[in-house]
N, C-alpha and C. Protein backbone atom coordinates (compact mmCIF):
# COMPACT_ATOMS: atom_id res chain seq x y z
N MET A 1 0.84 -1.18 0.00
CA MET A 1 0.00 0.00 0.00
C MET A 1 0.89 1.24 0.00
N ILE A 2 0.56 2.21 -0.83
CA ILE A 2 1.32 3.46 -0.94
C ILE A 2 0.69 4.48 0.00
N THR A 3 1.53 5.08 0.82
CA THR A 3 1.01 6.08 1.75
C THR A 3 0.89 7.43 1.05
N ILE A 4 0.19 8.32 1.67
CA ILE A 4 0.00 9.66 1.11
C ILE A 4 1.34 10.36 0.96
N ARG A 5 2.21 10.17 1.92
CA ARG A 5 3.52 10.82 1.86
C ARG A 5 4.29 10.37 0.62
N ARG A 6 4.29 9.12 0.29
CA ARG A 6 4.99 8.65 -0.90
C ARG A 6 4.33 9.18 -2.17
N GLN A 7 3.03 9.28 -2.19
CA GLN A 7 2.36 9.85 -3.34
C GLN A 7 2.77 11.32 -3.51
N THR A 8 2.89 12.03 -2.41
CA THR A 8 3.31 13.42 -2.48
C THR A 8 4.71 13.52 -3.06
N PHE A 9 5.61 12.63 -2.64
CA PHE A 9 6.97 12.64 -3.17
C PHE A 9 6.98 12.40 -4.68
N ALA A 10 6.14 11.54 -5.14
CA ALA A 10 6.12 11.22 -6.56
C ALA A 10 5.66 12.41 -7.39
N MET A 11 4.88 13.30 -6.82
CA MET A 11 4.33 14.42 -7.57
C MET A 11 5.10 15.73 -7.38
N THR A 12 6.13 15.72 -6.57
CA THR A 12 6.84 16.97 -6.30
C THR A 12 8.31 16.83 -6.68
N GLY A 13 8.98 17.97 -6.69
CA GLY A 13 10.41 17.99 -6.98
C GLY A 13 11.23 17.74 -5.74
N PHE A 14 12.54 17.76 -5.91
CA PHE A 14 13.46 17.45 -4.82
C PHE A 14 13.29 18.42 -3.64
N ASN A 15 13.19 19.71 -3.90
CA ASN A 15 13.09 20.69 -2.82
C ASN A 15 11.83 20.48 -1.98
N GLU A 16 10.74 20.14 -2.62
CA GLU A 16 9.51 19.89 -1.88
C GLU A 16 9.65 18.63 -1.03
N GLN A 17 10.37 17.64 -1.54
CA GLN A 17 10.58 16.41 -0.78
C GLN A 17 11.39 16.71 0.48
N VAL A 18 12.40 17.53 0.34
CA VAL A 18 13.23 17.88 1.48
C VAL A 18 12.41 18.64 2.52
N ALA A 19 11.56 19.54 2.07
CA ALA A 19 10.72 20.31 2.98
C ALA A 19 9.79 19.41 3.78
N LEU A 20 9.38 18.30 3.18
CA LEU A 20 8.49 17.37 3.87
C LEU A 20 9.25 16.48 4.85
N MET A 21 10.58 16.47 4.78
CA MET A 21 11.39 15.66 5.67
C MET A 21 12.35 16.57 6.44
N PRO A 22 11.87 17.32 7.42
CA PRO A 22 12.69 18.32 8.10
C PRO A 22 13.86 17.73 8.88
N ASN A 23 13.79 16.48 9.29
CA ASN A 23 14.87 15.87 10.07
C ASN A 23 16.02 15.38 9.20
N ARG A 24 15.81 15.29 7.91
CA ARG A 24 16.83 14.78 7.01
C ARG A 24 17.77 15.92 6.60
N LYS A 25 19.07 15.68 6.73
CA LYS A 25 20.05 16.69 6.33
C LYS A 25 20.51 16.40 4.91
N THR A 26 20.38 17.40 4.07
CA THR A 26 20.84 17.26 2.69
C THR A 26 22.29 17.72 2.62
N PRO A 27 23.01 17.28 1.61
CA PRO A 27 24.39 17.78 1.46
C PRO A 27 24.43 19.30 1.32
N GLU A 28 23.48 19.87 0.61
CA GLU A 28 23.44 21.31 0.42
C GLU A 28 23.23 22.04 1.75
N ALA A 29 22.36 21.50 2.59
CA ALA A 29 22.09 22.11 3.89
C ALA A 29 23.34 22.05 4.78
N GLU A 30 24.05 20.95 4.73
CA GLU A 30 25.26 20.81 5.53
C GLU A 30 26.35 21.76 5.04
N ILE A 31 26.51 21.86 3.73
CA ILE A 31 27.49 22.79 3.16
C ILE A 31 27.13 24.22 3.55
N SER A 32 25.88 24.56 3.44
CA SER A 32 25.41 25.91 3.79
C SER A 32 25.69 26.20 5.26
N ARG A 33 25.41 25.24 6.13
CA ARG A 33 25.63 25.43 7.56
C ARG A 33 27.11 25.65 7.85
N ARG A 34 27.97 24.84 7.23
CA ARG A 34 29.41 24.96 7.47
C ARG A 34 29.97 26.27 6.92
N LEU A 35 29.52 26.69 5.74
CA LEU A 35 29.97 27.95 5.17
C LEU A 35 29.56 29.13 6.04
N LYS A 36 28.33 29.09 6.52
CA LYS A 36 27.84 30.16 7.39
C LYS A 36 28.67 30.21 8.67
N SER A 37 28.97 29.07 9.24
CA SER A 37 29.77 29.01 10.46
C SER A 37 31.17 29.56 10.21
N PHE A 38 31.78 29.18 9.09
CA PHE A 38 33.12 29.68 8.74
C PHE A 38 33.09 31.18 8.54
N TYR A 39 32.10 31.68 7.81
CA TYR A 39 31.99 33.11 7.54
C TYR A 39 31.85 33.89 8.84
N GLU A 40 31.03 33.39 9.76
CA GLU A 40 30.83 34.06 11.04
C GLU A 40 32.13 34.09 11.84
N SER A 41 32.91 33.01 11.79
CA SER A 41 34.17 32.99 12.53
C SER A 41 35.17 33.99 11.93
N VAL A 42 35.17 34.13 10.61
CA VAL A 42 36.06 35.09 9.96
C VAL A 42 35.66 36.52 10.33
N GLN A 43 34.37 36.78 10.41
CA GLN A 43 33.89 38.12 10.77
C GLN A 43 34.34 38.51 12.18
N GLU A 44 34.46 37.53 13.06
CA GLU A 44 34.82 37.81 14.44
C GLU A 44 36.32 38.02 14.63
N GLU A 45 37.13 37.65 13.66
CA GLU A 45 38.57 37.80 13.77
C GLU A 45 38.96 39.27 13.74
N GLN A 46 39.97 39.61 14.52
CA GLN A 46 40.47 40.97 14.50
C GLN A 46 41.39 41.16 13.30
N ILE A 47 41.44 42.39 12.82
CA ILE A 47 42.31 42.70 11.70
C ILE A 47 43.74 42.85 12.24
N PRO A 48 44.70 42.15 11.64
CA PRO A 48 46.08 42.24 12.12
C PRO A 48 46.62 43.67 12.01
N ASP A 49 47.47 44.05 12.98
CA ASP A 49 48.05 45.40 13.01
C ASP A 49 48.80 45.72 11.72
N LYS A 50 49.52 44.76 11.19
CA LYS A 50 50.29 45.00 9.96
C LYS A 50 49.36 45.39 8.81
N PHE A 51 48.20 44.72 8.74
CA PHE A 51 47.23 45.05 7.69
C PHE A 51 46.65 46.44 7.90
N LEU A 52 46.37 46.79 9.15
CA LEU A 52 45.85 48.14 9.45
C LEU A 52 46.89 49.19 9.08
N ASP A 53 48.18 48.90 9.35
CA ASP A 53 49.24 49.84 8.97
C ASP A 53 49.28 50.03 7.45
N LEU A 54 49.14 48.93 6.71
CA LEU A 54 49.13 49.03 5.25
C LEU A 54 47.95 49.85 4.75
N LEU A 55 46.80 49.68 5.37
CA LEU A 55 45.62 50.46 4.99
C LEU A 55 45.84 51.96 5.26
N GLU A 56 46.48 52.27 6.38
CA GLU A 56 46.78 53.67 6.69
C GLU A 56 47.74 54.25 5.66
N GLN A 57 48.74 53.46 5.27
CA GLN A 57 49.69 53.92 4.25
C GLN A 57 48.98 54.17 2.92
N LEU A 58 48.07 53.29 2.57
CA LEU A 58 47.32 53.44 1.33
C LEU A 58 46.47 54.71 1.38
N ASP A 59 45.78 54.91 2.49
CA ASP A 59 44.98 56.14 2.64
C ASP A 59 45.84 57.39 2.51
N ALA A 60 47.02 57.38 3.14
CA ALA A 60 47.91 58.53 3.08
C ALA A 60 48.39 58.76 1.64
N ALA A 61 48.72 57.69 0.93
CA ALA A 61 49.18 57.82 -0.46
C ALA A 61 48.07 58.35 -1.35
N GLU A 62 46.85 57.86 -1.16
CA GLU A 62 45.72 58.34 -1.96
C GLU A 62 45.44 59.81 -1.67
N GLU A 63 45.52 60.19 -0.41
CA GLU A 63 45.28 61.58 -0.03
C GLU A 63 46.35 62.49 -0.65
N ALA A 64 47.60 62.06 -0.60
CA ALA A 64 48.69 62.85 -1.18
C ALA A 64 48.51 62.97 -2.69
N SER A 65 48.13 61.88 -3.32
CA SER A 65 47.91 61.90 -4.77
C SER A 65 46.76 62.82 -5.13
N SER A 66 45.72 62.79 -4.33
CA SER A 66 44.56 63.64 -4.57
C SER A 66 44.94 65.12 -4.43
N ARG A 67 45.70 65.44 -3.37
CA ARG A 67 46.14 66.82 -3.18
C ARG A 67 47.04 67.27 -4.32
N LYS A 68 47.91 66.38 -4.77
CA LYS A 68 48.83 66.71 -5.86
C LYS A 68 48.07 66.98 -7.15
N SER A 69 47.08 66.11 -7.47
CA SER A 69 46.31 66.31 -8.71
C SER A 69 45.44 67.57 -8.63
N GLN A 70 44.94 67.90 -7.46
CA GLN A 70 44.16 69.14 -7.31
C GLN A 70 45.06 70.35 -7.48
N GLY A 71 46.30 70.26 -6.98
CA GLY A 71 47.25 71.34 -7.14
C GLY A 71 47.61 71.56 -8.60
N VAL A 72 47.75 70.49 -9.36
CA VAL A 72 48.05 70.59 -10.79
C VAL A 72 46.89 71.26 -11.51
N ARG A 73 45.66 70.88 -11.16
CA ARG A 73 44.48 71.49 -11.81
C ARG A 73 44.38 72.96 -11.47
N GLU A 74 44.67 73.32 -10.20
CA GLU A 74 44.59 74.73 -9.80
C GLU A 74 45.66 75.54 -10.52
N ASN A 75 46.86 74.99 -10.70
CA ASN A 75 47.93 75.70 -11.40
C ASN A 75 47.61 75.85 -12.88
N ASN A 76 46.89 74.91 -13.47
CA ASN A 76 46.53 75.01 -14.89
C ASN A 76 45.46 76.07 -15.13
N HIS A 77 44.66 76.38 -14.13
CA HIS A 77 43.60 77.37 -14.27
C HIS A 77 44.08 78.78 -14.02
N ASP A 78 45.29 78.94 -13.51
CA ASP A 78 45.81 80.30 -13.22
C ASP A 78 46.28 81.00 -14.42
């Protein structure tokens, strides 16, 4: 005898089947869970001082370049 649940599975796609079986872990669900966990752990990590120093140097170089290019434009308009 075929139960209603099996008839439902026969008429639906894979995602609907998974939704009807909440206790079953799919490979996709496990991958998603692990990726989310890894991403959250990376978010909690502090930024290394050396990297922060490099970012400050980059900001300073960009600011100097911006001031220099503005100075060139102002001198061309005189």
